[in-house]
Amino acid sequence: MKLLRIVPVLIMLISTSLLAAERIDSVRIWPSPDSTRVVFDLSGKAQFRLLSQKQNLVQLEISNIDSPSLGKMSGQSDLIKDIRVQRLASGRGILLQVELNRPAREKAFSLPPLDRYGHRLVLDLADPQAEQAITAAPAPRTQRAGGREVVIAIDAGHGGHDPGAVGPKGTYEKHVTLAVSERLMALINKEPGFKAVMTRTSDYYIYPSKRPDVARNKQADLLVSIHADAVANRKAHGGSVWVLSLRRATTEVGRMLEQTEQHSELLGGVAEVIKDSANERYLAQTVLDLSMNHSMTTGFEVARQVLAEMSKVTHLHKKEPQAASLGVLKAPDIPSILVETGYISNPSEEQKLKSASHQQKLATAVFRALKRHFEQSPPADSWLAQRKGQAPNRSQPSEIRSAGSNASSAQNVVRVSEPVESIVNPRLHKVTRGESLSGLAKRYAVPMSVLRSYNKLTTDNIKIGQVLRIPE
């Protein structure tokens, strides 16, 4: 009987001993513009409890760790003032204290071992102050003499605690994407009439669903997300370009319609009309559908041009744009493409992707495609559109080119920005669902700039039922 009484006690002592055997090996701090992630690397799974925040102090009780050591610490964030650890008064477990410089929303969870990481306890701290600055409705574009710049948002995939795919020799996708993105940004910013903005500028993480919000806040005309692919088959190689799938776009339009506060942000000047309309939802649906159609058409056109340029510098895994329901390609109001620069899981392609010269070739290929697209179809209020309207080019109708054949005689030059009724005979086209200005320009072999000028359009948006005059 005595032995039977002793056995449960022994089992309890052994269990307690095993639970208390864990330790904190290191602490990694990963800051980003609107949040900070703190990762505690552990020797085993943590038994923890997140306490209520008090006076900018986030506290975590871990019952199966007794050592008050934090191990090696790396990284820093202006949101975090200090990280301390102490034994609990009971003598069992520790209390982690993360002191903040300002209030933040906290969330804690554990992660099992994965790849080169072991057990982890993760503390996510969302900074409301920074979030508000990033997601605030964008200010109207500043109009200046000569027209605005075309804004390209460049998204370097992954970052921070998310390395993305890892090559056979340890190359991180996040480093390749940032390197190519920085080179692309440099090329864009050197080109007159263009401006590049980055969703991330260093090694930190942004949730994929938030990246289009950054692009929208910067009033971007296009979002380009840079990635590197990986599969188990190490022989797979080559680049590809992905665009927003129709299913994803339709889902996002529905979500946006449910969030009425986003109307001003998404619909521009139309928002004030919609706000006072009894049929608000249906009008918003129409406007967003038109915006979605324009964005998807533009994205597909840009993707094809990027593939054409990439084929000159690397093998293509897919020769046509691929549609996908990816988080970063979620904005039906912003033309978006995702460029897979190659397979980092392929040993020879991994070597190329980490090469500065190959990174430059890839960036140059993407840049040339973007430049060609926006020179051919510039936004109506851009400097590129103004420049295109002031000088006849090969894409203009023969009547306009011939009028400007005598370059030394200024009075003989017909500018696209001027009325062209005197030199063309019109035909009418009624806009139907799914049509865009760029699509009609291609259909009738008329430059978009001529269609805009001839119909006195101030933007590229056209509405269902709208009647356009098409010059012969």
Protein backbone atom coordinates (compact mmCIF):
# COMPACT_ATOMS: atom_id res chain seq x y z
CA MET A 1 0.00 0.00 0.00
CA LYS A 2 2.86 2.39 0.82
CA LEU A 3 4.39 1.72 -2.61
CA LEU A 4 1.11 2.57 -4.32
CA ARG A 5 1.02 5.89 -2.46
CA ILE A 6 4.60 6.75 -3.44
CA VAL A 7 4.22 6.07 -7.20
CA PRO A 8 1.81 8.99 -7.98
CA VAL A 9 4.08 11.35 -6.04
CA LEU A 10 7.09 10.18 -8.05
CA ILE A 11 5.18 10.62 -11.32
CA MET A 12 4.17 14.15 -10.34
CA LEU A 13 7.75 15.06 -9.36
CA ILE A 14 9.13 13.67 -12.62
CA SER A 15 6.51 15.55 -14.65
CA THR A 16 7.26 18.80 -12.82
CA SER A 17 10.97 18.28 -13.39
CA LEU A 18 10.42 17.71 -17.10
CA LEU A 19 8.24 20.81 -17.42
CA ALA A 20 10.81 22.98 -15.67
CA ALA A 21 13.62 21.78 -17.93
CA GLU A 22 12.87 24.31 -20.70
CA ARG A 23 14.80 27.55 -21.19
CA ILE A 24 14.93 30.68 -23.37
CA ASP A 25 17.83 30.39 -25.80
CA SER A 26 17.53 33.78 -27.51
CA VAL A 27 15.26 36.74 -28.22
CA ARG A 28 14.80 38.23 -31.70
CA ILE A 29 13.08 41.60 -32.27
CA TRP A 30 11.64 42.23 -35.74
CA PRO A 31 10.31 45.79 -36.24
CA SER A 32 8.18 47.00 -39.13
CA PRO A 33 6.55 50.40 -39.79
CA ASP A 34 3.27 49.50 -38.05
CA SER A 35 4.14 46.62 -35.70
CA THR A 36 6.89 44.72 -33.92
CA ARG A 37 7.30 40.98 -33.51
CA VAL A 38 9.27 39.59 -30.55
CA VAL A 39 10.33 35.96 -30.93
CA PHE A 40 11.54 33.97 -27.91
CA ASP A 41 13.48 30.92 -29.09
CA LEU A 42 12.88 28.09 -26.62
CA SER A 43 14.32 24.65 -25.93
CA GLY A 44 10.76 23.24 -25.79
CA LYS A 45 7.11 24.22 -26.03
CA ALA A 46 6.14 26.99 -23.62
CA GLN A 47 3.28 26.74 -21.17
CA PHE A 48 2.38 30.43 -21.04
CA ARG A 49 -0.34 32.91 -20.12
CA LEU A 50 -0.67 36.47 -21.45
CA LEU A 51 -1.65 38.91 -18.71
CA SER A 52 -3.63 42.13 -19.15
CA GLN A 53 -1.51 45.09 -20.20
CA LYS A 54 -0.89 47.68 -17.48
CA GLN A 55 0.72 51.06 -18.07
CA ASN A 56 2.43 50.06 -21.32
CA LEU A 57 3.72 46.86 -19.73
CA VAL A 58 3.03 43.53 -21.48
CA GLN A 59 3.52 40.49 -19.22
CA LEU A 60 3.75 36.78 -19.98
CA GLU A 61 3.81 34.03 -17.38
CA ILE A 62 5.70 30.89 -18.45
CA SER A 63 5.17 28.06 -16.00
CA ASN A 64 7.66 25.54 -17.37
CA ILE A 65 10.77 27.77 -17.40
CA ASP A 66 12.66 28.61 -14.22
CA SER A 67 15.83 30.22 -15.58
CA PRO A 68 15.66 34.05 -15.52
CA SER A 69 18.00 34.30 -18.53
CA LEU A 70 16.91 35.72 -21.90
CA GLY A 71 19.92 34.39 -23.77
CA LYS A 72 21.26 36.28 -26.78
CA MET A 73 19.17 39.28 -27.89
CA SER A 74 19.14 40.75 -31.40
CA GLY A 75 17.25 43.56 -33.12
CA GLN A 76 15.55 46.64 -31.73
CA SER A 77 12.36 48.64 -32.10
CA ASP A 78 11.38 52.15 -31.06
CA LEU A 79 8.15 50.62 -29.73
CA ILE A 80 10.01 48.53 -27.12
CA LYS A 81 11.72 50.26 -24.21
CA ASP A 82 12.98 47.21 -22.30
CA ILE A 83 12.57 43.44 -21.88
CA ARG A 84 13.00 41.95 -18.41
CA VAL A 85 12.56 38.53 -16.84
CA GLN A 86 12.16 37.45 -13.21
CA ARG A 87 11.20 34.33 -11.29
CA LEU A 88 7.64 34.12 -10.07
CA ALA A 89 7.07 34.50 -6.31
CA SER A 90 5.88 30.93 -6.15
CA GLY A 91 9.33 29.79 -7.25
CA ARG A 92 7.92 27.98 -10.28
CA GLY A 93 8.06 29.67 -13.66
CA ILE A 94 9.09 33.12 -14.83
CA LEU A 95 7.47 36.44 -15.64
CA LEU A 96 8.45 38.09 -18.94
CA GLN A 97 7.94 41.86 -18.92
CA VAL A 98 8.03 43.85 -22.15
CA GLU A 99 7.96 47.58 -21.41
CA LEU A 100 6.62 49.76 -24.26
CA ASN A 101 7.21 53.39 -25.16
CA ARG A 102 3.52 53.76 -26.10
CA PRO A 103 0.36 51.64 -26.00
CA ALA A 104 0.07 48.74 -28.45
CA ARG A 105 -2.24 45.81 -29.11
CA GLU A 106 -0.60 42.58 -28.02
CA LYS A 107 -1.08 39.00 -29.17
CA ALA A 108 0.93 35.93 -28.10
CA PHE A 109 1.11 32.43 -29.53
CA SER A 110 3.53 29.51 -29.79
CA LEU A 111 5.02 28.00 -32.94
CA PRO A 112 6.35 24.45 -33.37
CA PRO A 113 9.79 23.70 -34.85
CA LEU A 114 10.11 24.54 -38.55
CA ASP A 115 13.15 24.44 -40.85
CA ARG A 116 16.09 25.86 -38.90
CA TYR A 117 13.94 27.15 -36.01
CA GLY A 118 12.93 25.26 -32.89
CA HIS A 119 10.06 25.96 -30.52
CA ARG A 120 9.11 29.64 -30.38
CA LEU A 121 6.94 31.91 -28.29
CA VAL A 122 5.82 34.89 -30.39
CA LEU A 123 4.61 38.25 -29.11
CA ASP A 124 3.09 40.51 -31.77
CA LEU A 125 2.71 44.20 -30.92
CA ALA A 126 0.54 46.29 -33.26
CA ASP A 127 1.25 50.03 -33.12
CA PRO A 128 -2.11 51.86 -33.61
CA GLN A 129 -0.34 55.20 -34.06
CA ALA A 130 1.77 53.91 -36.94
CA GLU A 131 -1.14 51.91 -38.41
CA GLN A 132 -3.24 55.03 -38.59
CA ALA A 133 -0.50 56.89 -40.45
CA ILE A 134 -0.08 54.07 -42.98
CA THR A 135 -3.73 53.24 -43.64
CA ALA A 136 -5.09 56.80 -43.49
CA ALA A 137 -6.96 57.91 -46.61
CA PRO A 138 -4.36 59.21 -49.07
CA ALA A 139 -4.14 62.90 -49.78
CA PRO A 140 -5.15 63.95 -53.30
CA ARG A 141 -2.32 63.92 -55.80
CA THR A 142 -0.55 67.23 -56.03
CA GLN A 143 -1.14 68.62 -59.49
CA ARG A 144 1.64 70.68 -60.95
CA ALA A 145 2.45 72.32 -64.26
CA GLY A 146 3.24 69.67 -66.83
CA GLY A 147 1.39 66.86 -65.08
CA ARG A 148 2.15 64.45 -62.25
CA GLU A 149 4.60 61.56 -62.08
CA VAL A 150 3.56 57.95 -62.69
CA VAL A 151 3.89 56.20 -59.30
CA ILE A 152 5.07 52.58 -59.21
CA ALA A 153 4.81 50.73 -55.87
CA ILE A 154 7.48 48.04 -55.53
CA ASP A 155 6.86 45.25 -53.05
CA ALA A 156 9.89 43.21 -51.97
CA GLY A 157 8.36 39.90 -50.93
CA HIS A 158 8.68 38.46 -47.41
CA GLY A 159 11.11 40.10 -44.92
CA GLY A 160 11.90 40.12 -41.23
CA HIS A 161 11.02 36.90 -39.47
CA ASP A 162 9.67 35.53 -42.77
CA PRO A 163 12.69 34.61 -44.95
CA GLY A 164 10.52 33.20 -47.73
CA ALA A 165 12.01 30.30 -49.67
CA VAL A 166 15.54 29.19 -48.77
CA GLY A 167 17.91 27.94 -51.47
CA PRO A 168 20.05 24.78 -51.19
CA LYS A 169 23.04 26.92 -50.23
CA GLY A 170 21.10 28.99 -47.71
CA THR A 171 20.12 32.01 -49.85
CA TYR A 172 17.03 33.72 -48.43
CA GLU A 173 14.30 34.82 -50.81
CA LYS A 174 13.73 37.98 -48.74
CA HIS A 175 17.29 39.17 -49.50
CA VAL A 176 16.96 38.51 -53.24
CA THR A 177 13.61 40.30 -53.48
CA LEU A 178 14.86 43.37 -51.63
CA ALA A 179 18.02 43.56 -53.77
CA VAL A 180 16.07 43.35 -57.06
CA SER A 181 13.46 45.83 -55.75
CA GLU A 182 16.11 48.38 -54.78
CA ARG A 183 17.69 48.14 -58.23
CA LEU A 184 14.29 48.53 -59.88
CA MET A 185 13.52 51.55 -57.70
CA ALA A 186 16.81 53.20 -58.71
CA LEU A 187 16.04 52.73 -62.41
CA ILE A 188 12.51 54.10 -62.07
CA ASN A 189 13.56 57.15 -60.07
CA LYS A 190 16.16 58.07 -62.70
CA GLU A 191 13.52 58.13 -65.44
CA PRO A 192 11.74 61.49 -65.98
CA GLY A 193 8.02 61.29 -65.28
CA PHE A 194 8.29 58.25 -62.99
CA LYS A 195 8.49 57.78 -59.23
CA ALA A 196 9.03 54.57 -57.24
CA VAL A 197 7.85 53.85 -53.69
CA MET A 198 8.65 50.73 -51.64
CA THR A 199 6.27 48.79 -49.41
CA ARG A 200 9.30 47.84 -47.28
CA THR A 201 12.72 49.48 -47.36
CA SER A 202 14.70 47.07 -45.18
CA ASP A 203 14.51 43.67 -43.51
CA TYR A 204 11.11 43.73 -41.79
CA TYR A 205 7.81 41.94 -42.34
CA ILE A 206 4.53 43.32 -43.69
CA TYR A 207 1.42 41.17 -43.90
CA PRO A 208 0.62 40.42 -47.58
CA SER A 209 -2.89 41.80 -47.19
CA LYS A 210 -1.49 45.16 -45.99
CA ARG A 211 0.92 45.68 -48.88
CA PRO A 212 -1.75 46.93 -51.33
CA ASP A 213 -2.87 49.38 -48.63
CA VAL A 214 0.61 50.90 -48.64
CA ALA A 215 0.46 51.21 -52.44
CA ARG A 216 -2.99 52.80 -52.26
CA ASN A 217 -1.82 55.27 -49.63
CA LYS A 218 0.99 56.34 -51.97
CA GLN A 219 -1.51 56.79 -54.82
CA ALA A 220 0.31 54.17 -56.90
CA ASP A 221 -0.63 53.58 -60.53
CA LEU A 222 0.74 50.03 -60.38
CA LEU A 223 1.93 47.54 -57.75
CA VAL A 224 4.82 45.21 -58.65
CA SER A 225 5.57 42.46 -56.13
CA ILE A 226 8.97 40.76 -56.47
CA HIS A 227 9.41 37.11 -55.40
CA ALA A 228 11.46 33.98 -56.04
CA ASP A 229 9.81 30.58 -56.46
CA ALA A 230 10.62 27.23 -54.81
CA VAL A 231 9.45 23.64 -55.26
CA ALA A 232 10.64 20.21 -54.19
CA ASN A 233 11.82 19.43 -57.73
CA ARG A 234 15.21 21.13 -57.88
CA LYS A 235 15.28 20.91 -61.67
CA ALA A 236 12.41 23.42 -62.00
CA HIS A 237 13.69 26.80 -63.17
CA GLY A 238 12.66 30.02 -64.85
CA GLY A 239 10.62 33.13 -64.19
CA SER A 240 6.88 33.79 -64.36
CA VAL A 241 4.42 36.64 -63.78
CA TRP A 242 1.13 36.37 -61.90
CA VAL A 243 -1.94 38.60 -61.99
CA LEU A 244 -5.09 38.95 -59.90
CA SER A 245 -7.60 36.17 -60.45
CA LEU A 246 -11.18 37.14 -61.30
CA ARG A 247 -12.48 35.14 -58.31
CA ARG A 248 -10.20 37.01 -55.90
CA ALA A 249 -11.06 40.37 -57.44
CA THR A 250 -14.81 39.72 -57.20
CA THR A 251 -14.43 38.69 -53.56
CA GLU A 252 -12.49 41.84 -52.73
CA VAL A 253 -15.06 44.09 -54.44
CA GLY A 254 -17.76 42.52 -52.26
CA ARG A 255 -15.66 43.03 -49.14
CA MET A 256 -15.06 46.68 -50.03
CA LEU A 257 -18.75 47.30 -50.56
CA GLU A 258 -19.37 46.10 -47.01
CA GLN A 259 -16.90 48.68 -45.70
CA THR A 260 -18.63 51.94 -46.49
CA GLU A 261 -15.88 53.99 -44.89
CA GLN A 262 -13.56 52.95 -47.73
CA HIS A 263 -15.72 54.53 -50.44
CA SER A 264 -13.90 57.87 -50.40
CA GLU A 265 -10.58 56.10 -50.52
CA LEU A 266 -11.53 53.76 -53.35
CA LEU A 267 -13.89 55.83 -55.47
CA GLY A 268 -12.24 59.24 -55.43
CA GLY A 269 -14.51 62.14 -56.41
CA VAL A 270 -17.44 59.82 -57.10
CA ALA A 271 -17.74 59.15 -53.37
CA GLU A 272 -19.60 62.37 -52.60
CA VAL A 273 -22.26 61.54 -55.18
CA ILE A 274 -22.63 58.00 -53.89
CA LYS A 275 -22.89 59.15 -50.28
CA ASP A 276 -26.16 60.96 -50.94
CA SER A 277 -27.62 58.39 -53.31
CA ALA A 278 -30.49 56.06 -52.40
CA ASN A 279 -28.91 53.43 -54.62
CA GLU A 280 -25.47 53.78 -53.05
CA ARG A 281 -24.58 50.10 -53.10
CA TYR A 282 -25.48 49.56 -56.74
CA LEU A 283 -23.66 52.68 -57.90
CA ALA A 284 -20.64 51.72 -55.86
CA GLN A 285 -20.78 48.23 -57.37
CA THR A 286 -20.76 49.72 -60.87
CA VAL A 287 -17.86 52.06 -60.16
CA LEU A 288 -15.81 49.34 -58.48
CA ASP A 289 -16.56 46.89 -61.29
CA LEU A 290 -15.27 49.43 -63.81
CA SER A 291 -12.21 50.06 -61.68
CA MET A 292 -11.63 46.31 -61.29
CA ASN A 293 -11.91 45.73 -65.03
CA HIS A 294 -9.43 48.50 -65.78
CA SER A 295 -7.01 47.23 -63.13
CA MET A 296 -7.14 43.62 -64.28
CA THR A 297 -6.80 44.56 -67.95
CA THR A 298 -3.86 46.81 -67.19
CA GLY A 299 -2.24 44.19 -64.96
CA PHE A 300 -2.51 41.56 -67.70
CA GLU A 301 -1.07 43.91 -70.33
CA VAL A 302 1.85 44.85 -68.08
CA ALA A 303 2.46 41.19 -67.18
CA ARG A 304 2.77 40.25 -70.86
CA GLN A 305 5.28 43.03 -71.48
CA VAL A 306 7.31 42.02 -68.40
CA LEU A 307 7.44 38.42 -69.63
CA ALA A 308 8.61 39.60 -73.05
CA GLU A 309 11.50 41.51 -71.48
CA MET A 310 12.35 38.79 -68.95
CA SER A 311 12.64 36.25 -71.76
CA LYS A 312 15.69 38.20 -72.97
CA VAL A 313 17.60 37.72 -69.70
CA THR A 314 16.34 34.44 -68.22
CA HIS A 315 14.42 31.25 -68.98
CA LEU A 316 10.64 31.48 -68.53
CA HIS A 317 8.88 28.78 -66.54
CA LYS A 318 5.52 30.12 -67.77
CA LYS A 319 5.35 32.15 -70.99
CA GLU A 320 1.89 33.62 -70.36
CA PRO A 321 0.60 35.55 -67.29
CA GLN A 322 -0.83 33.24 -64.61
CA ALA A 323 -3.88 34.16 -62.50
CA ALA A 324 -3.79 33.50 -58.76
CA SER A 325 -5.64 34.32 -55.55
CA LEU A 326 -2.62 35.75 -53.74
CA GLY A 327 -2.81 38.07 -50.75
CA VAL A 328 -0.63 40.78 -52.27
CA LEU A 329 -2.75 40.70 -55.46
CA LYS A 330 -5.97 41.60 -53.71
CA ALA A 331 -6.64 45.17 -54.83
CA PRO A 332 -9.19 45.42 -57.65
CA ASP A 333 -8.64 49.18 -57.72
CA ILE A 334 -4.85 49.01 -58.27
CA PRO A 335 -3.31 47.19 -61.26
CA SER A 336 -1.01 44.58 -59.71
CA ILE A 337 1.46 41.95 -60.87
CA LEU A 338 3.67 39.48 -59.01
CA VAL A 339 7.02 38.68 -60.63
CA GLU A 340 8.66 35.34 -59.81
CA THR A 341 12.29 36.03 -60.70
CA GLY A 342 13.24 32.35 -60.80
CA TYR A 343 13.46 29.18 -58.71
CA ILE A 344 15.68 29.70 -55.70
CA SER A 345 15.30 25.96 -55.03
CA ASN A 346 17.30 25.26 -58.22
CA PRO A 347 21.05 25.27 -57.29
CA SER A 348 22.22 26.98 -60.49
CA GLU A 349 19.38 29.51 -60.46
CA GLU A 350 20.01 30.23 -56.77
CA GLN A 351 23.56 31.18 -57.72
CA LYS A 352 22.26 33.54 -60.41
CA LEU A 353 19.60 35.11 -58.16
CA LYS A 354 22.16 36.15 -55.57
CA SER A 355 24.43 37.58 -58.28
CA ALA A 356 24.39 41.39 -58.47
CA SER A 357 24.71 41.33 -62.25
CA HIS A 358 21.72 39.00 -62.70
CA GLN A 359 19.67 41.02 -60.21
CA GLN A 360 20.41 44.11 -62.32
CA LYS A 361 19.34 42.32 -65.51
CA LEU A 362 16.04 41.29 -63.93
CA ALA A 363 15.39 44.80 -62.61
CA THR A 364 16.21 46.31 -66.00
CA ALA A 365 13.85 43.89 -67.76
CA VAL A 366 10.95 44.79 -65.46
CA PHE A 367 11.75 48.50 -65.77
CA ARG A 368 11.78 48.45 -69.57
CA ALA A 369 8.38 46.77 -69.63
CA LEU A 370 6.88 49.28 -67.18
CA LYS A 371 8.37 52.23 -69.04
CA ARG A 372 7.04 51.03 -72.39
CA HIS A 373 3.56 50.39 -70.98
CA PHE A 374 3.15 53.81 -69.39
CA GLU A 375 4.65 55.63 -72.35
CA GLN A 376 2.08 53.90 -74.58
CA SER A 377 -0.84 54.31 -72.14
CA PRO A 378 -0.03 57.09 -69.65
CA PRO A 379 -2.54 58.23 -67.00
CA ALA A 380 -4.50 61.19 -68.34
CA ASP A 381 -3.19 63.68 -65.78
CA SER A 382 0.45 62.60 -65.94
CA TRP A 383 3.48 64.37 -67.36
CA LEU A 384 3.89 61.46 -69.77
CA ALA A 385 0.40 62.08 -71.17
CA GLN A 386 1.13 65.78 -71.56
CA ARG A 387 4.38 65.04 -73.35
CA LYS A 388 2.73 62.44 -75.56
CA GLY A 389 -0.01 64.90 -76.47
CA GLN A 390 2.49 67.56 -77.48
CA ALA A 391 4.54 65.56 -79.96
CA PRO A 392 3.20 63.38 -82.79
CA ASN A 393 4.48 59.81 -82.69
CA ARG A 394 4.17 56.62 -84.70
CA SER A 395 1.15 55.42 -82.74
CA GLN A 396 -0.95 58.39 -83.86
CA PRO A 397 -3.26 58.28 -86.90
CA SER A 398 -1.67 59.09 -90.23
CA GLU A 399 -3.70 62.31 -90.52
CA ILE A 400 -2.11 63.68 -87.34
CA ARG A 401 1.41 62.57 -88.30
CA SER A 402 1.16 64.16 -91.74
CA ALA A 403 -0.07 67.41 -90.25
CA GLY A 404 3.15 67.67 -88.31
CA SER A 405 5.48 66.62 -91.13
CA ASN A 406 6.87 70.12 -91.44
CA ALA A 407 8.60 70.29 -88.09
CA SER A 408 9.90 73.81 -88.67
CA SER A 409 6.40 75.21 -89.03
CA ALA A 410 4.77 75.34 -85.59
CA GLN A 411 1.37 76.31 -86.96
CA ASN A 412 1.20 73.07 -88.98
CA VAL A 413 1.62 70.80 -85.95
CA VAL A 414 -1.66 69.30 -84.68
CA ARG A 415 -1.44 68.40 -80.99
CA VAL A 416 -3.42 65.49 -79.58
CA SER A 417 -4.49 67.63 -76.62
CA GLU A 418 -6.30 70.00 -78.99
CA PRO A 419 -9.75 69.28 -80.55
CA VAL A 420 -9.43 66.91 -83.49
CA GLU A 421 -12.97 67.15 -84.92
CA SER A 422 -11.66 68.99 -87.98
CA ILE A 423 -9.44 66.14 -89.11
CA VAL A 424 -11.49 63.00 -88.34
CA ASN A 425 -14.99 61.69 -88.93
CA PRO A 426 -16.56 60.22 -85.78
CA ARG A 427 -18.38 56.96 -85.14
CA LEU A 428 -20.18 56.11 -81.90
CA HIS A 429 -19.59 53.31 -79.41
CA LYS A 430 -21.79 52.57 -76.39
CA VAL A 431 -19.79 51.16 -73.47
CA THR A 432 -20.91 47.73 -72.28
CA ARG A 433 -19.96 45.75 -69.16
CA GLY A 434 -16.35 44.60 -69.07
CA GLU A 435 -15.00 47.22 -71.51
CA SER A 436 -12.14 49.59 -70.71
CA LEU A 437 -10.64 52.62 -72.45
CA SER A 438 -7.41 50.75 -73.14
CA GLY A 439 -9.35 47.85 -74.62
CA LEU A 440 -11.35 50.14 -76.91
CA ALA A 441 -8.16 51.90 -77.98
CA LYS A 442 -6.75 48.57 -79.10
CA ARG A 443 -10.01 47.47 -80.71
CA TYR A 444 -10.30 50.59 -82.86
CA ALA A 445 -6.52 51.07 -83.32
CA VAL A 446 -6.70 54.55 -81.81
CA PRO A 447 -4.22 55.83 -79.16
CA MET A 448 -5.75 56.25 -75.70
CA SER A 449 -4.57 59.88 -75.70
CA VAL A 450 -6.67 60.56 -78.81
CA LEU A 451 -9.74 58.88 -77.27
CA ARG A 452 -9.35 60.95 -74.11
CA SER A 453 -8.92 64.22 -75.99
CA TYR A 454 -11.68 63.53 -78.51
CA ASN A 455 -14.18 62.68 -75.74
CA LYS A 456 -12.87 65.31 -73.31
CA LEU A 457 -12.12 62.67 -70.65
CA THR A 458 -10.16 63.67 -67.57
CA THR A 459 -9.49 60.07 -66.42
CA ASP A 460 -9.21 56.61 -67.98
CA ASN A 461 -12.44 55.45 -66.30
CA ILE A 462 -15.48 54.90 -68.52
CA LYS A 463 -18.99 53.90 -67.46
CA ILE A 464 -21.48 51.33 -68.71
CA GLY A 465 -23.88 53.04 -71.12
CA GLN A 466 -21.52 55.93 -71.81
CA VAL A 467 -21.34 56.84 -75.53
CA LEU A 468 -17.86 57.48 -76.87
CA ARG A 469 -16.98 59.03 -80.20
CA ILE A 470 -14.34 57.03 -82.07
CA PRO A 471 -12.31 58.88 -84.70
CA GLU A 472 -11.95 57.13 -88.05
